[in-house]
Amino acid sequence: MSSTGRPAALRITEIFHSLQGETSRTGLPTVFVRLTGCPLRCSWCDTEYAFTGGTTRSLDEILAEVASYQCPTVCVTGGEPLSQKNCLPLLTALCDAGHSVSLETSGALDIADVDPRVSRIVDLKAPGSGEEARNLLSNIPLLTPHDELKLVIASEADYEWARAKIAEHRLTERCPVLLAPVQGQLKPADLAAWILRDRLPVRMQVQLHKIIWGNEPGR
């Protein structure tokens, strides 16, 4: 139920079954629940189709479709899922149903009220995104080893910024830190070389789903 007492509903762009392409769960069969809407406009966004549109679905409808895939791992993503207030009861309901749940969030909205059973995958926006000013740094102290922090890198300048932030906030002591190159803007080999050169204690990732299916939505 929503805070008004009415059944919770959310605007949904798509629900689909695929392989997780990012985070420490890379390669796991996963049900993705992509919520509609995002207050950010990152320069490298690859899910602009989720900014608008979608269909309004009840919480029970969403849970039933997720259950139909018979898959224990679920990722709630966007857009920016936390821009919809009913994202929070959705996350709790998915956990209550026995799923292993992750949340992919931009890092611009407060994560404090997310169900503690959820693994929060939080972005830290580098300057190349055009949205560095939207980083909500008060989220950083809330991160635990159960969460992950993701930095998407478009250039060597972004990498140097990321390295400085990792040191400044001692990020690798809080949770796993993931660095990923922007597809088509930064060669993965270059990012790998910088990480190895600097002995940076992070995990590098590339987007597995794009290697397999390209930029096809719903994959």
N, C-alpha and C. Protein backbone atom coordinates (compact mmCIF):
# COMPACT_ATOMS: atom_id res chain seq x y z
N MET A 1 0.83 -1.19 0.00
CA MET A 1 0.00 0.00 0.00
C MET A 1 0.87 1.25 0.00
N SER A 2 0.39 2.31 -0.64
CA SER A 2 1.09 3.58 -0.63
C SER A 2 0.80 4.31 0.67
N SER A 3 1.47 5.47 0.87
CA SER A 3 1.29 6.24 2.09
C SER A 3 -0.12 6.79 2.19
N THR A 4 -0.86 6.85 1.09
CA THR A 4 -2.24 7.36 1.10
C THR A 4 -3.25 6.27 1.42
N GLY A 5 -2.78 5.03 1.53
CA GLY A 5 -3.68 3.92 1.79
C GLY A 5 -4.17 3.23 0.54
N ARG A 6 -3.90 3.80 -0.63
CA ARG A 6 -4.28 3.18 -1.89
C ARG A 6 -3.22 2.16 -2.31
N PRO A 7 -3.61 1.17 -3.10
CA PRO A 7 -2.62 0.20 -3.58
C PRO A 7 -1.47 0.90 -4.31
N ALA A 8 -0.24 0.48 -4.00
CA ALA A 8 0.93 1.11 -4.61
C ALA A 8 0.96 0.82 -6.11
N ALA A 9 1.34 1.83 -6.88
CA ALA A 9 1.49 1.67 -8.33
C ALA A 9 2.73 2.41 -8.76
N LEU A 10 3.34 1.95 -9.86
CA LEU A 10 4.54 2.57 -10.37
C LEU A 10 4.45 2.67 -11.89
N ARG A 11 5.19 3.62 -12.44
CA ARG A 11 5.29 3.76 -13.89
C ARG A 11 6.46 2.89 -14.34
N ILE A 12 6.17 1.92 -15.19
CA ILE A 12 7.16 0.92 -15.58
C ILE A 12 7.46 1.03 -17.07
N THR A 13 8.73 1.12 -17.43
CA THR A 13 9.14 1.10 -18.84
C THR A 13 9.18 -0.32 -19.37
N GLU A 14 9.75 -1.24 -18.59
CA GLU A 14 9.85 -2.63 -19.06
C GLU A 14 10.23 -3.54 -17.89
N ILE A 15 9.82 -4.78 -18.01
CA ILE A 15 10.27 -5.86 -17.13
C ILE A 15 10.77 -6.97 -18.04
N PHE A 16 11.98 -7.42 -17.82
CA PHE A 16 12.54 -8.42 -18.73
C PHE A 16 13.54 -9.31 -18.01
N HIS A 17 13.81 -10.45 -18.61
CA HIS A 17 14.71 -11.47 -18.07
C HIS A 17 15.96 -11.50 -18.94
N SER A 18 17.12 -11.31 -18.33
CA SER A 18 18.36 -11.26 -19.09
C SER A 18 19.51 -11.67 -18.19
N LEU A 19 20.73 -11.45 -18.67
CA LEU A 19 21.92 -11.61 -17.84
C LEU A 19 22.32 -10.25 -17.29
N GLN A 20 22.70 -10.22 -16.02
CA GLN A 20 23.22 -8.98 -15.46
C GLN A 20 24.53 -8.64 -16.18
N GLY A 21 24.62 -7.41 -16.68
CA GLY A 21 25.80 -7.02 -17.45
C GLY A 21 26.81 -6.22 -16.67
N GLU A 22 26.46 -5.83 -15.42
CA GLU A 22 27.34 -4.98 -14.63
C GLU A 22 27.33 -5.42 -13.17
N THR A 23 28.18 -4.80 -12.38
CA THR A 23 28.33 -5.03 -10.94
C THR A 23 28.94 -6.39 -10.67
N SER A 24 29.07 -6.74 -9.39
CA SER A 24 29.65 -8.03 -9.02
C SER A 24 28.73 -9.19 -9.37
N ARG A 25 27.49 -8.88 -9.78
CA ARG A 25 26.55 -9.92 -10.20
C ARG A 25 26.61 -10.19 -11.70
N THR A 26 27.61 -9.65 -12.38
CA THR A 26 27.73 -9.83 -13.83
C THR A 26 27.61 -11.31 -14.21
N GLY A 27 26.78 -11.58 -15.21
CA GLY A 27 26.60 -12.93 -15.72
C GLY A 27 25.46 -13.69 -15.11
N LEU A 28 24.90 -13.20 -13.99
CA LEU A 28 23.81 -13.92 -13.35
C LEU A 28 22.49 -13.69 -14.09
N PRO A 29 21.71 -14.73 -14.36
CA PRO A 29 20.36 -14.51 -14.84
C PRO A 29 19.59 -13.63 -13.86
N THR A 30 18.93 -12.60 -14.39
CA THR A 30 18.33 -11.57 -13.55
C THR A 30 17.04 -11.08 -14.18
N VAL A 31 16.04 -10.78 -13.36
CA VAL A 31 14.86 -10.08 -13.82
C VAL A 31 15.07 -8.59 -13.56
N PHE A 32 14.93 -7.80 -14.61
CA PHE A 32 15.11 -6.36 -14.50
C PHE A 32 13.74 -5.68 -14.48
N VAL A 33 13.54 -4.79 -13.52
CA VAL A 33 12.35 -3.96 -13.45
C VAL A 33 12.82 -2.53 -13.69
N ARG A 34 12.52 -2.02 -14.89
CA ARG A 34 13.00 -0.68 -15.25
C ARG A 34 11.88 0.33 -15.04
N LEU A 35 12.08 1.23 -14.07
CA LEU A 35 11.10 2.26 -13.79
C LEU A 35 11.30 3.44 -14.73
N THR A 36 10.22 4.16 -14.98
CA THR A 36 10.23 5.29 -15.90
C THR A 36 10.56 6.58 -15.16
N GLY A 37 11.34 7.45 -15.81
CA GLY A 37 11.61 8.78 -15.28
C GLY A 37 13.00 8.91 -14.70
N CYS A 38 13.61 10.09 -14.90
CA CYS A 38 14.93 10.38 -14.34
C CYS A 38 15.12 11.89 -14.32
N PRO A 39 15.57 12.46 -13.20
CA PRO A 39 15.81 13.90 -13.14
C PRO A 39 17.16 14.32 -13.70
N LEU A 40 18.02 13.36 -14.04
CA LEU A 40 19.35 13.68 -14.56
C LEU A 40 19.37 13.51 -16.08
N ARG A 41 20.37 14.13 -16.68
CA ARG A 41 20.57 14.00 -18.13
C ARG A 41 22.07 13.81 -18.40
N CYS A 42 22.58 12.66 -18.03
CA CYS A 42 24.00 12.38 -18.21
C CYS A 42 24.34 12.34 -19.70
N SER A 43 25.50 12.85 -20.05
CA SER A 43 25.88 12.97 -21.45
C SER A 43 25.98 11.62 -22.14
N TRP A 44 26.27 10.57 -21.39
CA TRP A 44 26.46 9.26 -21.99
C TRP A 44 25.29 8.30 -21.71
N CYS A 45 24.18 8.80 -21.29
CA CYS A 45 23.05 7.94 -20.93
C CYS A 45 22.69 7.00 -22.09
N ASP A 46 22.47 5.74 -21.77
CA ASP A 46 22.10 4.75 -22.78
C ASP A 46 20.68 4.23 -22.57
N THR A 47 19.92 4.89 -21.71
CA THR A 47 18.53 4.46 -21.49
C THR A 47 17.58 5.67 -21.55
N GLU A 48 17.81 6.54 -22.52
CA GLU A 48 16.94 7.71 -22.65
C GLU A 48 15.49 7.33 -22.92
N TYR A 49 15.27 6.15 -23.47
CA TYR A 49 13.90 5.72 -23.73
C TYR A 49 13.10 5.53 -22.44
N ALA A 50 13.79 5.49 -21.30
CA ALA A 50 13.10 5.33 -20.02
C ALA A 50 12.76 6.66 -19.36
N PHE A 51 13.09 7.77 -19.99
CA PHE A 51 12.81 9.08 -19.39
C PHE A 51 11.30 9.34 -19.30
N THR A 52 10.57 8.91 -20.30
CA THR A 52 9.13 9.19 -20.38
C THR A 52 8.39 7.94 -20.85
N GLY A 53 7.06 8.05 -20.82
CA GLY A 53 6.24 6.95 -21.31
C GLY A 53 6.02 5.90 -20.23
N GLY A 54 6.14 4.66 -20.62
CA GLY A 54 5.89 3.57 -19.69
C GLY A 54 4.41 3.35 -19.45
N THR A 55 4.11 2.39 -18.60
CA THR A 55 2.73 2.08 -18.24
C THR A 55 2.62 2.01 -16.72
N THR A 56 1.47 2.40 -16.21
CA THR A 56 1.24 2.33 -14.77
C THR A 56 0.84 0.91 -14.40
N ARG A 57 1.59 0.34 -13.46
CA ARG A 57 1.36 -1.04 -13.03
C ARG A 57 1.20 -1.08 -11.52
N SER A 58 0.30 -1.91 -11.05
CA SER A 58 0.16 -2.08 -9.60
C SER A 58 1.32 -2.91 -9.06
N LEU A 59 1.55 -2.78 -7.79
CA LEU A 59 2.62 -3.54 -7.15
C LEU A 59 2.37 -5.04 -7.32
N ASP A 60 1.13 -5.46 -7.16
CA ASP A 60 0.82 -6.89 -7.31
C ASP A 60 1.09 -7.37 -8.73
N GLU A 61 0.80 -6.54 -9.72
CA GLU A 61 1.06 -6.92 -11.12
C GLU A 61 2.56 -7.08 -11.37
N ILE A 62 3.32 -6.16 -10.83
CA ILE A 62 4.77 -6.23 -11.01
C ILE A 62 5.33 -7.49 -10.35
N LEU A 63 4.91 -7.74 -9.12
CA LEU A 63 5.41 -8.91 -8.40
C LEU A 63 5.04 -10.20 -9.12
N ALA A 64 3.84 -10.24 -9.68
CA ALA A 64 3.41 -11.45 -10.40
C ALA A 64 4.24 -11.68 -11.65
N GLU A 65 4.54 -10.60 -12.39
CA GLU A 65 5.35 -10.78 -13.60
C GLU A 65 6.77 -11.19 -13.25
N VAL A 66 7.33 -10.57 -12.21
CA VAL A 66 8.67 -10.97 -11.78
C VAL A 66 8.68 -12.45 -11.40
N ALA A 67 7.68 -12.88 -10.63
CA ALA A 67 7.62 -14.27 -10.18
C ALA A 67 7.51 -15.25 -11.35
N SER A 68 6.90 -14.81 -12.44
CA SER A 68 6.67 -15.71 -13.58
C SER A 68 7.97 -16.18 -14.22
N TYR A 69 9.06 -15.44 -14.01
CA TYR A 69 10.35 -15.83 -14.60
C TYR A 69 11.08 -16.88 -13.77
N GLN A 70 10.60 -17.11 -12.55
CA GLN A 70 11.21 -18.12 -11.68
C GLN A 70 12.72 -17.91 -11.55
N CYS A 71 13.09 -16.67 -11.29
CA CYS A 71 14.50 -16.27 -11.19
C CYS A 71 14.70 -15.58 -9.84
N PRO A 72 15.65 -16.01 -9.03
CA PRO A 72 15.79 -15.44 -7.69
C PRO A 72 16.40 -14.04 -7.64
N THR A 73 17.11 -13.65 -8.70
CA THR A 73 17.84 -12.39 -8.68
C THR A 73 17.08 -11.32 -9.43
N VAL A 74 16.87 -10.17 -8.79
CA VAL A 74 16.09 -9.08 -9.37
C VAL A 74 16.87 -7.78 -9.25
N CYS A 75 16.84 -6.97 -10.31
CA CYS A 75 17.48 -5.66 -10.32
C CYS A 75 16.42 -4.61 -10.65
N VAL A 76 16.26 -3.63 -9.76
CA VAL A 76 15.37 -2.50 -10.00
C VAL A 76 16.23 -1.35 -10.51
N THR A 77 15.89 -0.85 -11.69
CA THR A 77 16.74 0.13 -12.36
C THR A 77 15.87 1.19 -13.03
N GLY A 78 16.48 2.04 -13.87
CA GLY A 78 15.73 3.11 -14.51
C GLY A 78 16.37 3.48 -15.83
N GLY A 79 16.24 4.74 -16.19
CA GLY A 79 15.86 5.89 -15.40
C GLY A 79 16.52 5.96 -14.03
N GLU A 80 15.83 6.68 -13.16
CA GLU A 80 16.23 6.78 -11.75
C GLU A 80 15.07 6.24 -10.93
N PRO A 81 15.17 5.00 -10.47
CA PRO A 81 14.02 4.38 -9.79
C PRO A 81 13.57 5.14 -8.54
N LEU A 82 14.49 5.75 -7.81
CA LEU A 82 14.11 6.43 -6.58
C LEU A 82 13.35 7.72 -6.83
N SER A 83 13.23 8.14 -8.08
CA SER A 83 12.42 9.32 -8.38
C SER A 83 10.92 9.01 -8.23
N GLN A 84 10.57 7.73 -8.12
CA GLN A 84 9.19 7.34 -7.83
C GLN A 84 9.12 6.88 -6.37
N LYS A 85 8.25 7.52 -5.59
CA LYS A 85 8.20 7.23 -4.15
C LYS A 85 7.84 5.78 -3.88
N ASN A 86 7.07 5.15 -4.76
CA ASN A 86 6.67 3.77 -4.53
C ASN A 86 7.75 2.76 -4.89
N CYS A 87 8.92 3.26 -5.29
CA CYS A 87 10.06 2.35 -5.46
C CYS A 87 10.41 1.68 -4.14
N LEU A 88 10.31 2.41 -3.05
CA LEU A 88 10.70 1.85 -1.74
C LEU A 88 9.82 0.66 -1.35
N PRO A 89 8.48 0.77 -1.41
CA PRO A 89 7.68 -0.43 -1.10
C PRO A 89 7.87 -1.56 -2.12
N LEU A 90 8.18 -1.22 -3.37
CA LEU A 90 8.49 -2.27 -4.34
C LEU A 90 9.71 -3.06 -3.92
N LEU A 91 10.77 -2.37 -3.53
CA LEU A 91 11.99 -3.05 -3.10
C LEU A 91 11.74 -3.96 -1.91
N THR A 92 10.99 -3.45 -0.95
CA THR A 92 10.68 -4.26 0.23
C THR A 92 9.84 -5.47 -0.14
N ALA A 93 8.86 -5.28 -1.01
CA ALA A 93 8.01 -6.40 -1.41
C ALA A 93 8.80 -7.48 -2.15
N LEU A 94 9.75 -7.07 -2.99
CA LEU A 94 10.59 -8.04 -3.69
C LEU A 94 11.44 -8.83 -2.71
N CYS A 95 11.98 -8.15 -1.71
CA CYS A 95 12.75 -8.85 -0.68
C CYS A 95 11.86 -9.80 0.10
N ASP A 96 10.68 -9.34 0.47
CA ASP A 96 9.75 -10.19 1.21
C ASP A 96 9.37 -11.44 0.43
N ALA A 97 9.38 -11.32 -0.91
CA ALA A 97 9.04 -12.46 -1.77
C ALA A 97 10.20 -13.44 -1.91
N GLY A 98 11.32 -13.13 -1.30
CA GLY A 98 12.45 -14.05 -1.30
C GLY A 98 13.51 -13.80 -2.34
N HIS A 99 13.39 -12.70 -3.07
CA HIS A 99 14.37 -12.39 -4.11
C HIS A 99 15.63 -11.77 -3.53
N SER A 100 16.72 -11.97 -4.23
CA SER A 100 17.96 -11.24 -3.97
C SER A 100 17.92 -9.99 -4.84
N VAL A 101 17.83 -8.81 -4.21
CA VAL A 101 17.46 -7.59 -4.91
C VAL A 101 18.62 -6.59 -4.91
N SER A 102 18.86 -6.01 -6.10
CA SER A 102 19.78 -4.87 -6.20
C SER A 102 19.02 -3.69 -6.77
N LEU A 103 19.50 -2.51 -6.43
CA LEU A 103 18.94 -1.24 -6.89
C LEU A 103 20.04 -0.46 -7.59
N GLU A 104 19.79 -0.05 -8.84
CA GLU A 104 20.74 0.80 -9.55
C GLU A 104 20.24 2.24 -9.49
N THR A 105 21.01 3.11 -8.83
CA THR A 105 20.57 4.48 -8.61
C THR A 105 21.69 5.46 -8.94
N SER A 106 21.30 6.65 -9.37
CA SER A 106 22.24 7.64 -9.88
C SER A 106 23.14 8.24 -8.82
N GLY A 107 22.77 8.12 -7.56
CA GLY A 107 23.53 8.76 -6.49
C GLY A 107 23.12 10.19 -6.25
N ALA A 108 22.07 10.66 -6.94
CA ALA A 108 21.59 12.03 -6.77
C ALA A 108 20.43 12.12 -5.78
N LEU A 109 19.89 10.96 -5.38
CA LEU A 109 18.76 10.92 -4.45
C LEU A 109 19.14 10.11 -3.21
N ASP A 110 18.49 10.45 -2.10
CA ASP A 110 18.81 9.85 -0.81
C ASP A 110 18.52 8.35 -0.80
N ILE A 111 19.49 7.56 -0.35
CA ILE A 111 19.34 6.11 -0.29
C ILE A 111 19.04 5.61 1.11
N ALA A 112 18.88 6.52 2.07
CA ALA A 112 18.78 6.13 3.47
C ALA A 112 17.62 5.21 3.77
N ASP A 113 16.49 5.38 3.06
CA ASP A 113 15.28 4.62 3.39
C ASP A 113 15.12 3.35 2.57
N VAL A 114 16.11 3.00 1.77
CA VAL A 114 16.05 1.76 1.00
C VAL A 114 16.16 0.57 1.96
N ASP A 115 15.33 -0.43 1.75
CA ASP A 115 15.34 -1.63 2.59
C ASP A 115 16.77 -2.15 2.74
N PRO A 116 17.23 -2.41 3.96
CA PRO A 116 18.63 -2.82 4.16
C PRO A 116 18.98 -4.15 3.53
N ARG A 117 17.99 -4.93 3.12
CA ARG A 117 18.28 -6.20 2.45
C ARG A 117 18.69 -5.99 1.00
N VAL A 118 18.47 -4.79 0.48
CA VAL A 118 18.76 -4.48 -0.93
C VAL A 118 20.23 -4.08 -1.07
N SER A 119 20.87 -4.59 -2.10
CA SER A 119 22.22 -4.13 -2.46
C SER A 119 22.10 -2.88 -3.30
N ARG A 120 22.58 -1.76 -2.77
CA ARG A 120 22.43 -0.47 -3.45
C ARG A 120 23.65 -0.23 -4.34
N ILE A 121 23.42 -0.14 -5.64
CA ILE A 121 24.48 0.13 -6.61
C ILE A 121 24.39 1.62 -6.93
N VAL A 122 25.31 2.39 -6.37
CA VAL A 122 25.20 3.85 -6.38
C VAL A 122 26.24 4.44 -7.32
N ASP A 123 25.80 5.29 -8.24
CA ASP A 123 26.73 5.99 -9.12
C ASP A 123 27.37 7.18 -8.40
N LEU A 124 28.60 7.47 -8.78
CA LEU A 124 29.24 8.74 -8.45
C LEU A 124 29.60 9.36 -9.79
N LYS A 125 28.91 10.46 -10.13
CA LYS A 125 28.99 11.00 -11.47
C LYS A 125 30.27 11.80 -11.68
N ALA A 126 31.08 11.38 -12.66
CA ALA A 126 32.32 12.08 -13.00
C ALA A 126 31.99 13.34 -13.81
N PRO A 127 32.94 14.28 -13.92
CA PRO A 127 32.67 15.53 -14.64
C PRO A 127 32.18 15.33 -16.07
N GLY A 128 32.69 14.31 -16.76
CA GLY A 128 32.29 14.08 -18.14
C GLY A 128 30.83 13.77 -18.32
N SER A 129 30.14 13.40 -17.24
CA SER A 129 28.71 13.11 -17.32
C SER A 129 27.89 14.37 -17.49
N GLY A 130 28.45 15.52 -17.08
CA GLY A 130 27.70 16.76 -17.06
C GLY A 130 26.82 16.90 -15.84
N GLU A 131 26.86 15.92 -14.93
CA GLU A 131 25.97 15.92 -13.76
C GLU A 131 26.75 15.78 -12.44
N GLU A 132 28.02 16.15 -12.44
CA GLU A 132 28.83 16.03 -11.23
C GLU A 132 28.18 16.77 -10.06
N ALA A 133 27.59 17.92 -10.32
CA ALA A 133 27.02 18.74 -9.26
C ALA A 133 25.83 18.06 -8.58
N ARG A 134 25.27 17.02 -9.20
CA ARG A 134 24.10 16.35 -8.62
C ARG A 134 24.48 15.24 -7.64
N ASN A 135 25.79 14.93 -7.52
CA ASN A 135 26.20 13.89 -6.58
C ASN A 135 25.77 14.26 -5.16
N LEU A 136 25.03 13.38 -4.51
CA LEU A 136 24.60 13.59 -3.13
C LEU A 136 25.62 12.91 -2.22
N LEU A 137 26.60 13.69 -1.79
CA LEU A 137 27.73 13.12 -1.06
C LEU A 137 27.32 12.58 0.30
N SER A 138 26.15 13.00 0.81
CA SER A 138 25.68 12.46 2.08
C SER A 138 25.31 10.98 1.97
N ASN A 139 25.22 10.46 0.75
CA ASN A 139 25.00 9.03 0.58
C ASN A 139 26.23 8.21 0.93
N ILE A 140 27.41 8.79 0.77
CA ILE A 140 28.65 8.01 0.94
C ILE A 140 28.76 7.37 2.31
N PRO A 141 28.52 8.10 3.41
CA PRO A 141 28.63 7.45 4.73
C PRO A 141 27.61 6.33 4.96
N LEU A 142 26.57 6.27 4.14
CA LEU A 142 25.55 5.24 4.29
C LEU A 142 25.93 3.92 3.63
N LEU A 143 26.96 3.93 2.79
CA LEU A 143 27.36 2.73 2.07
C LEU A 143 27.96 1.69 3.00
N THR A 144 27.65 0.42 2.72
CA THR A 144 28.17 -0.69 3.50
C THR A 144 28.81 -1.71 2.55
N PRO A 145 29.50 -2.71 3.08
CA PRO A 145 30.07 -3.73 2.19
C PRO A 145 29.03 -4.47 1.36
N HIS A 146 27.76 -4.36 1.72
CA HIS A 146 26.66 -4.99 0.98
C HIS A 146 26.31 -4.20 -0.29
N ASP A 147 26.81 -2.95 -0.37
CA ASP A 147 26.51 -2.06 -1.49
C ASP A 147 27.70 -2.01 -2.45
N GLU A 148 27.54 -1.27 -3.56
CA GLU A 148 28.63 -1.05 -4.51
C GLU A 148 28.55 0.37 -5.03
N LEU A 149 29.71 0.93 -5.34
CA LEU A 149 29.78 2.28 -5.88
C LEU A 149 30.35 2.19 -7.29
N LYS A 150 29.66 2.83 -8.25
CA LYS A 150 30.06 2.74 -9.65
C LYS A 150 30.45 4.12 -10.18
N LEU A 151 31.60 4.18 -10.85
CA LEU A 151 32.04 5.41 -11.50
C LEU A 151 32.26 5.11 -12.98
N VAL A 152 31.52 5.82 -13.83
CA VAL A 152 31.64 5.65 -15.27
C VAL A 152 32.61 6.70 -15.80
N ILE A 153 33.57 6.25 -16.59
CA ILE A 153 34.72 7.06 -16.97
C ILE A 153 34.73 7.28 -18.48
N ALA A 154 34.79 8.55 -18.89
CA ALA A 154 34.79 8.88 -20.32
C ALA A 154 36.15 9.33 -20.83
N SER A 155 37.08 9.65 -19.92
CA SER A 155 38.36 10.23 -20.33
C SER A 155 39.39 10.05 -19.23
N GLU A 156 40.64 10.38 -19.54
CA GLU A 156 41.66 10.32 -18.50
C GLU A 156 41.39 11.35 -17.41
N ALA A 157 40.82 12.48 -17.78
CA ALA A 157 40.46 13.49 -16.77
C ALA A 157 39.41 12.94 -15.80
N ASP A 158 38.43 12.22 -16.33
CA ASP A 158 37.45 11.57 -15.45
C ASP A 158 38.13 10.56 -14.53
N TYR A 159 39.07 9.81 -15.08
CA TYR A 159 39.77 8.81 -14.27
C TYR A 159 40.54 9.49 -13.13
N GLU A 160 41.25 10.55 -13.44
CA GLU A 160 42.01 11.25 -12.39
C GLU A 160 41.06 11.79 -11.32
N TRP A 161 39.91 12.31 -11.75
CA TRP A 161 38.90 12.78 -10.79
C TRP A 161 38.44 11.63 -9.90
N ALA A 162 38.16 10.49 -10.52
CA ALA A 162 37.70 9.32 -9.78
C ALA A 162 38.75 8.85 -8.78
N ARG A 163 39.98 8.81 -9.21
CA ARG A 163 41.05 8.37 -8.31
C ARG A 163 41.15 9.29 -7.10
N ALA A 164 41.01 10.60 -7.31
CA ALA A 164 41.06 11.56 -6.22
C ALA A 164 39.89 11.37 -5.26
N LYS A 165 38.69 11.13 -5.81
CA LYS A 165 37.52 10.93 -4.95
C LYS A 165 37.63 9.64 -4.15
N ILE A 166 38.16 8.60 -4.77
CA ILE A 166 38.35 7.34 -4.06
C ILE A 166 39.27 7.54 -2.86
N ALA A 167 40.33 8.30 -3.04
CA ALA A 167 41.25 8.56 -1.94
C ALA A 167 40.64 9.50 -0.90
N GLU A 168 39.99 10.56 -1.37
CA GLU A 168 39.43 11.57 -0.46
C GLU A 168 38.40 10.97 0.49
N HIS A 169 37.53 10.13 -0.04
CA HIS A 169 36.44 9.57 0.76
C HIS A 169 36.72 8.13 1.23
N ARG A 170 37.91 7.63 0.94
CA ARG A 170 38.31 6.27 1.34
C ARG A 170 37.23 5.27 0.92
N LEU A 171 36.85 5.38 -0.34
CA LEU A 171 35.68 4.66 -0.82
C LEU A 171 35.86 3.15 -0.80
N THR A 172 37.05 2.68 -1.12
CA THR A 172 37.26 1.23 -1.18
C THR A 172 37.21 0.59 0.20
N GLU A 173 37.27 1.39 1.25
CA GLU A 173 37.12 0.86 2.61
C GLU A 173 35.64 0.73 2.99
N ARG A 174 34.75 1.33 2.21
CA ARG A 174 33.32 1.30 2.52
C ARG A 174 32.61 0.17 1.81
N CYS A 175 32.94 -0.02 0.52
CA CYS A 175 32.23 -1.00 -0.29
C CYS A 175 33.05 -1.26 -1.54
N PRO A 176 32.71 -2.29 -2.31
CA PRO A 176 33.38 -2.48 -3.60
C PRO A 176 33.17 -1.27 -4.50
N VAL A 177 34.23 -0.89 -5.22
CA VAL A 177 34.19 0.25 -6.14
C VAL A 177 34.41 -0.28 -7.55
N LEU A 178 33.52 0.13 -8.47
CA LEU A 178 33.55 -0.33 -9.84
C LEU A 178 33.86 0.83 -10.77
N LEU A 179 34.79 0.65 -11.69
CA LEU A 179 35.08 1.64 -12.72
C LEU A 179 34.73 1.03 -14.07
N ALA A 180 34.03 1.83 -14.90
CA ALA A 180 33.59 1.33 -16.20
C ALA A 180 33.84 2.38 -17.27
N PRO A 181 34.35 1.99 -18.44
CA PRO A 181 34.54 2.95 -19.53
C PRO A 181 33.24 3.22 -20.27
N VAL A 182 33.07 4.46 -20.74
CA VAL A 182 31.92 4.79 -21.56
C VAL A 182 32.11 4.14 -22.93
N GLN A 183 31.11 3.38 -23.35
CA GLN A 183 31.18 2.70 -24.64
C GLN A 183 31.36 3.71 -25.76
N GLY A 184 32.38 3.50 -26.60
CA GLY A 184 32.61 4.34 -27.75
C GLY A 184 33.38 5.62 -27.45
N GLN A 185 33.66 5.91 -26.18
CA GLN A 185 34.40 7.12 -25.82
C GLN A 185 35.76 6.83 -25.20
N LEU A 186 35.86 5.73 -24.47
CA LEU A 186 37.12 5.38 -23.82
C LEU A 186 37.41 3.91 -24.08
N LYS A 187 38.61 3.63 -24.55
CA LYS A 187 39.00 2.25 -24.79
C LYS A 187 39.14 1.51 -23.47
N PRO A 188 38.52 0.34 -23.33
CA PRO A 188 38.68 -0.42 -22.09
C PRO A 188 40.14 -0.68 -21.74
N ALA A 189 40.98 -0.89 -22.75
CA ALA A 189 42.39 -1.16 -22.48
C ALA A 189 43.08 0.03 -21.82
N ASP A 190 42.65 1.24 -22.17
CA ASP A 190 43.25 2.43 -21.54
C ASP A 190 42.88 2.50 -20.07
N LEU A 191 41.61 2.29 -19.76
CA LEU A 191 41.19 2.32 -18.36
C LEU A 191 41.89 1.22 -17.57
N ALA A 192 42.00 0.04 -18.15
CA ALA A 192 42.70 -1.06 -17.48
C ALA A 192 44.14 -0.69 -17.19
N ALA A 193 44.80 -0.05 -18.14
CA ALA A 193 46.20 0.32 -17.96
C ALA A 193 46.36 1.33 -16.82
N TRP A 194 45.47 2.30 -16.72
CA TRP A 194 45.57 3.29 -15.65
C TRP A 194 45.34 2.65 -14.28
N ILE A 195 44.37 1.76 -14.19
CA ILE A 195 44.10 1.09 -12.92
C ILE A 195 45.30 0.27 -12.47
N LEU A 196 45.89 -0.45 -13.41
CA LEU A 196 47.06 -1.27 -13.07
C LEU A 196 48.27 -0.41 -12.74
N ARG A 197 48.46 0.66 -13.49
CA ARG A 197 49.58 1.57 -13.23
C ARG A 197 49.53 2.15 -11.82
N ASP A 198 48.33 2.50 -11.38
CA ASP A 198 48.17 3.17 -10.10
C ASP A 198 47.88 2.21 -8.95
N ARG A 199 47.87 0.91 -9.24
CA ARG A 199 47.57 -0.09 -8.21
C ARG A 199 46.25 0.25 -7.51
N LEU A 200 45.27 0.68 -8.26
CA LEU A 200 44.00 1.12 -7.70
C LEU A 200 43.18 -0.11 -7.28
N PRO A 201 42.75 -0.19 -6.03
CA PRO A 201 42.05 -1.39 -5.54
C PRO A 201 40.56 -1.38 -5.89
N VAL A 202 40.28 -1.39 -7.19
CA VAL A 202 38.90 -1.34 -7.67
C VAL A 202 38.66 -2.51 -8.61
N ARG A 203 37.41 -2.69 -8.97
CA ARG A 203 37.05 -3.68 -9.98
C ARG A 203 36.69 -2.94 -11.26
N MET A 204 37.33 -3.30 -12.37
CA MET A 204 36.94 -2.74 -13.66
C MET A 204 35.85 -3.61 -14.26
N GLN A 205 34.89 -2.98 -14.91
CA GLN A 205 33.83 -3.73 -15.57
C GLN A 205 33.56 -3.16 -16.95
N VAL A 206 33.15 -4.02 -17.84
CA VAL A 206 32.58 -3.63 -19.12
C VAL A 206 31.15 -4.16 -19.14
N GLN A 207 30.33 -3.65 -20.02
CA GLN A 207 28.92 -4.01 -20.03
C GLN A 207 28.70 -5.29 -20.84
N LEU A 208 28.59 -6.40 -20.12
CA LEU A 208 28.48 -7.71 -20.75
C LEU A 208 27.29 -7.79 -21.70
N HIS A 209 26.16 -7.21 -21.32
CA HIS A 209 24.96 -7.30 -22.16
C HIS A 209 25.16 -6.61 -23.50
N LYS A 210 25.99 -5.56 -23.53
CA LYS A 210 26.25 -4.88 -24.80
C LYS A 210 27.21 -5.69 -25.68
N ILE A 211 28.09 -6.43 -25.06
CA ILE A 211 28.97 -7.30 -25.83
C ILE A 211 28.14 -8.39 -26.52
N ILE A 212 27.13 -8.88 -25.81
CA ILE A 212 26.31 -9.97 -26.35
C ILE A 212 25.27 -9.46 -27.33
N TRP A 213 24.52 -8.39 -26.93
CA TRP A 213 23.34 -7.97 -27.70
C TRP A 213 23.43 -6.55 -28.27
N GLY A 214 24.54 -5.87 -28.06
CA GLY A 214 24.61 -4.48 -28.51
C GLY A 214 23.75 -3.58 -27.65
N ASN A 215 23.16 -2.55 -28.23
CA ASN A 215 22.37 -1.58 -27.47
C ASN A 215 20.86 -1.85 -27.56
N GLU A 216 20.49 -3.09 -27.77
CA GLU A 216 19.08 -3.44 -27.90
C GLU A 216 18.36 -3.25 -26.57
N PRO A 217 17.27 -2.46 -26.54
CA PRO A 217 16.50 -2.32 -25.30
C PRO A 217 15.96 -3.66 -24.81
N GLY A 218 15.75 -3.76 -23.52
CA GLY A 218 15.20 -5.00 -22.97
C GLY A 218 16.19 -6.12 -22.92
N ARG A 219 17.47 -5.80 -22.99
CA ARG A 219 18.53 -6.78 -22.90
C ARG A 219 19.52 -6.45 -21.80
